[in-house]
């Protein structure tokens, strides 16, 4: 039986690997597999808006079923910053190192370290669009811990754990992570979808 092909509108290989490991019943291909290297503008003011922009771009250009995500780290003491600007918090370089430095500096005198990662996924399938959301609550550490993962993982400790995302292996992280929860909703939906 042929696996259903779905485009995951990303060029982030870390994200792709995480998602492929969770969606094993589907053939998940990335933008690189389509030879799509367009810079899709993420200009919405919400995570959902950016996910929709990316999914619609691929569906309109290639006519394929696809899904796109946008993820933000929302820090309570910083009025939910960096939020939609998480990837470019420290400027246009999209450097995870610089982003973490800026966040730790902005939180340096703050006792409230509460934060959450939130992922929004837009799925375009057979002319319809569906939105899924996943949230992982936790706190921001005072310094980096661990060398796995990507982005803000070394400074984010999920609630109920005494280690950062960057100290977890991929399967451990995906069962509790924001993206994991959003993908789980997507998987459940796709497994029950009538084709």
Protein backbone atom coordinates (compact mmCIF):
# COMPACT_ATOMS: atom_id res chain seq x y z
CA UNK A 1 0.00 0.00 0.00
CA UNK A 2 1.38 3.38 -0.99
CA UNK A 3 1.86 5.83 1.84
CA UNK A 4 0.01 9.12 1.48
CA UNK A 5 2.43 11.86 0.51
CA UNK A 6 2.31 15.05 2.52
CA UNK A 7 4.55 18.08 2.15
CA UNK A 8 5.85 19.53 5.40
CA UNK A 9 6.50 23.16 4.47
CA UNK A 10 9.89 23.50 6.16
CA UNK A 11 13.58 23.62 5.35
CA UNK A 12 14.47 22.93 8.97
CA UNK A 13 16.01 19.44 8.96
CA UNK A 14 15.68 19.10 12.75
CA UNK A 15 11.93 19.74 12.59
CA UNK A 16 11.61 17.42 9.59
CA UNK A 17 13.32 14.52 11.41
CA UNK A 18 11.12 15.05 14.49
CA UNK A 19 7.96 14.98 12.39
CA UNK A 20 9.01 12.04 10.17
CA UNK A 21 9.64 9.99 13.31
CA UNK A 22 6.08 10.66 14.46
CA UNK A 23 4.20 10.34 11.15
CA UNK A 24 5.48 6.93 10.06
CA UNK A 25 2.30 6.00 8.15
CA UNK A 26 2.87 8.87 5.74
CA UNK A 27 5.57 9.85 3.29
CA UNK A 28 6.64 13.24 4.62
CA UNK A 29 8.62 15.34 2.17
CA UNK A 30 10.19 18.73 2.76
CA UNK A 31 10.47 21.87 0.65
CA UNK A 32 13.96 20.75 -0.41
CA UNK A 33 12.42 17.56 -1.87
CA UNK A 34 10.29 19.83 -4.07
CA UNK A 35 13.33 21.97 -4.94
CA UNK A 36 11.44 24.84 -3.32
CA UNK A 37 13.89 27.33 -1.86
CA UNK A 38 11.56 30.34 -1.96
CA UNK A 39 11.75 32.61 1.05
CA UNK A 40 8.14 32.35 2.23
CA UNK A 41 7.43 35.58 4.13
CA UNK A 42 6.24 35.03 7.70
CA UNK A 43 4.53 38.36 8.13
CA UNK A 44 1.47 37.43 10.20
CA UNK A 45 1.08 38.65 13.77
CA UNK A 46 0.14 35.20 15.06
CA UNK A 47 1.65 31.72 14.89
CA UNK A 48 -1.54 30.44 13.25
CA UNK A 49 -1.31 33.19 10.63
CA UNK A 50 2.26 32.28 9.70
CA UNK A 51 1.43 28.56 9.48
CA UNK A 52 -1.48 29.39 7.14
CA UNK A 53 0.72 31.62 4.93
CA UNK A 54 3.28 28.82 4.48
CA UNK A 55 0.71 26.07 3.86
CA UNK A 56 -1.24 28.19 1.37
CA UNK A 57 1.94 29.13 -0.51
CA UNK A 58 2.79 25.46 -1.15
CA UNK A 59 -0.76 24.42 -2.00
CA UNK A 60 -1.15 27.31 -4.45
CA UNK A 61 2.26 26.83 -6.09
CA UNK A 62 2.39 23.02 -6.28
CA UNK A 63 -1.21 21.88 -5.82
CA UNK A 64 -0.15 19.40 -3.11
CA UNK A 65 -1.58 18.38 0.24
CA UNK A 66 0.65 19.94 2.84
CA UNK A 67 1.01 21.21 6.35
CA UNK A 68 3.09 23.97 7.87
CA UNK A 69 3.85 24.92 11.42
CA UNK A 70 4.97 27.95 13.31
CA UNK A 71 6.27 27.77 16.84
CA UNK A 72 6.89 30.43 19.41
CA UNK A 73 8.32 30.59 22.89
CA UNK A 74 6.06 32.70 25.09
CA UNK A 75 7.64 34.02 28.30
CA UNK A 76 5.15 35.28 30.88
CA UNK A 77 7.36 38.00 32.42
CA UNK A 78 8.14 39.42 28.96
CA UNK A 79 4.49 39.81 27.89
CA UNK A 80 4.73 36.54 25.93
CA UNK A 81 7.83 37.60 24.01
CA UNK A 82 9.50 36.44 21.83
CA UNK A 83 6.33 34.70 20.56
CA UNK A 84 5.88 35.03 16.83
CA UNK A 85 9.39 36.54 16.59
CA UNK A 86 11.12 33.60 18.32
CA UNK A 87 13.32 32.63 15.35
CA UNK A 88 14.52 36.21 14.78
CA UNK A 89 14.35 37.60 18.33
CA UNK A 90 17.91 38.90 18.31
CA UNK A 91 17.69 40.29 14.77
CA UNK A 92 17.72 39.00 11.23
CA UNK A 93 20.48 36.43 11.68
CA UNK A 94 18.14 33.72 13.08
CA UNK A 95 20.98 32.64 15.38
CA UNK A 96 19.76 30.38 18.19
CA UNK A 97 22.79 31.38 20.26
CA UNK A 98 22.07 35.11 19.95
CA UNK A 99 18.34 34.57 20.59
CA UNK A 100 19.06 32.67 23.81
CA UNK A 101 21.57 35.31 24.95
CA UNK A 102 19.03 38.09 24.45
CA UNK A 103 16.28 36.18 26.25
CA UNK A 104 18.49 35.34 29.24
CA UNK A 105 19.63 38.96 29.43
CA UNK A 106 16.04 40.24 29.33
CA UNK A 107 15.11 37.84 32.13
CA UNK A 108 18.28 38.35 34.19
CA UNK A 109 16.63 40.18 37.12
CA UNK A 110 13.34 38.33 36.95
CA UNK A 111 12.17 35.66 39.38
CA UNK A 112 9.21 34.71 37.20
CA UNK A 113 10.69 32.21 34.72
CA UNK A 114 7.36 30.75 33.56
CA UNK A 115 7.19 30.10 29.83
CA UNK A 116 5.47 27.94 27.27
CA UNK A 117 6.25 26.72 23.81
CA UNK A 118 3.27 26.86 21.46
CA UNK A 119 3.00 25.30 18.01
CA UNK A 120 0.27 25.99 15.47
CA UNK A 121 -0.11 23.70 12.45
CA UNK A 122 -2.13 24.52 9.33
CA UNK A 123 -3.09 21.49 7.23
CA UNK A 124 -4.30 21.95 3.66
CA UNK A 125 -5.86 18.77 2.36
CA UNK A 126 -8.26 18.20 -0.53
CA UNK A 127 -9.22 21.86 -0.67
CA UNK A 128 -9.92 22.18 3.05
CA UNK A 129 -7.89 23.74 5.85
CA UNK A 130 -7.59 22.58 9.45
CA UNK A 131 -5.65 24.11 12.38
CA UNK A 132 -4.06 22.20 15.27
CA UNK A 133 -2.32 23.55 18.36
CA UNK A 134 0.08 22.11 20.90
CA UNK A 135 1.37 23.72 24.11
CA UNK A 136 4.18 22.69 26.45
CA UNK A 137 4.42 24.63 29.70
CA UNK A 138 7.69 25.02 31.57
CA UNK A 139 10.28 27.54 32.66
CA UNK A 140 13.41 29.28 31.44
CA UNK A 141 16.67 28.11 33.00
CA UNK A 142 19.36 30.59 34.07
CA UNK A 143 21.93 29.00 31.77
CA UNK A 144 22.13 26.48 28.95
CA UNK A 145 21.90 22.78 29.72
CA UNK A 146 22.39 19.97 27.20
CA UNK A 147 23.47 19.79 23.58
CA UNK A 148 20.59 18.02 21.83
CA UNK A 149 17.63 19.66 20.11
CA UNK A 150 17.69 23.11 18.56
CA UNK A 151 16.50 26.68 19.05
CA UNK A 152 15.74 27.52 22.68
CA UNK A 153 15.85 23.85 23.81
CA UNK A 154 18.96 24.27 26.04
CA UNK A 155 17.26 26.91 28.23
CA UNK A 156 13.71 25.51 28.37
CA UNK A 157 12.77 23.04 31.11
CA UNK A 158 9.34 21.45 30.63
CA UNK A 159 7.05 21.35 33.68
CA UNK A 160 7.45 18.18 35.74
CA UNK A 161 11.03 17.53 34.59
CA UNK A 162 14.42 18.47 36.00
CA UNK A 163 16.19 18.68 32.66
CA UNK A 164 16.03 20.85 29.57
CA UNK A 165 14.66 19.85 26.19
CA UNK A 166 18.30 19.75 25.02
CA UNK A 167 19.04 16.99 27.55
CA UNK A 168 16.27 14.75 26.19
CA UNK A 169 16.46 12.35 23.27
CA UNK A 170 14.09 12.89 20.36
CA UNK A 171 11.51 10.26 21.38
CA UNK A 172 11.39 11.54 24.98
CA UNK A 173 10.99 15.12 23.84
CA UNK A 174 8.37 14.38 21.17
CA UNK A 175 5.98 12.76 23.67
CA UNK A 176 5.72 15.97 25.72
CA UNK A 177 6.70 18.78 23.37
CA UNK A 178 4.43 21.44 21.89
CA UNK A 179 5.19 20.18 18.36
CA UNK A 180 4.66 16.60 19.52
CA UNK A 181 1.22 17.46 20.89
CA UNK A 182 0.21 19.39 17.77
CA UNK A 183 1.49 16.58 15.51
CA UNK A 184 -0.38 14.03 17.65
CA UNK A 185 -3.61 15.92 16.95
CA UNK A 186 -2.68 16.04 13.25
CA UNK A 187 -1.92 12.27 13.20
CA UNK A 188 -5.20 11.41 14.95
CA UNK A 189 -7.05 13.59 12.48
CA UNK A 190 -5.31 12.08 9.44
CA UNK A 191 -5.80 8.52 10.68
CA UNK A 192 -9.52 9.13 10.99
CA UNK A 193 -9.89 11.24 7.84
CA UNK A 194 -12.09 9.78 5.12
CA UNK A 195 -10.18 9.89 1.85
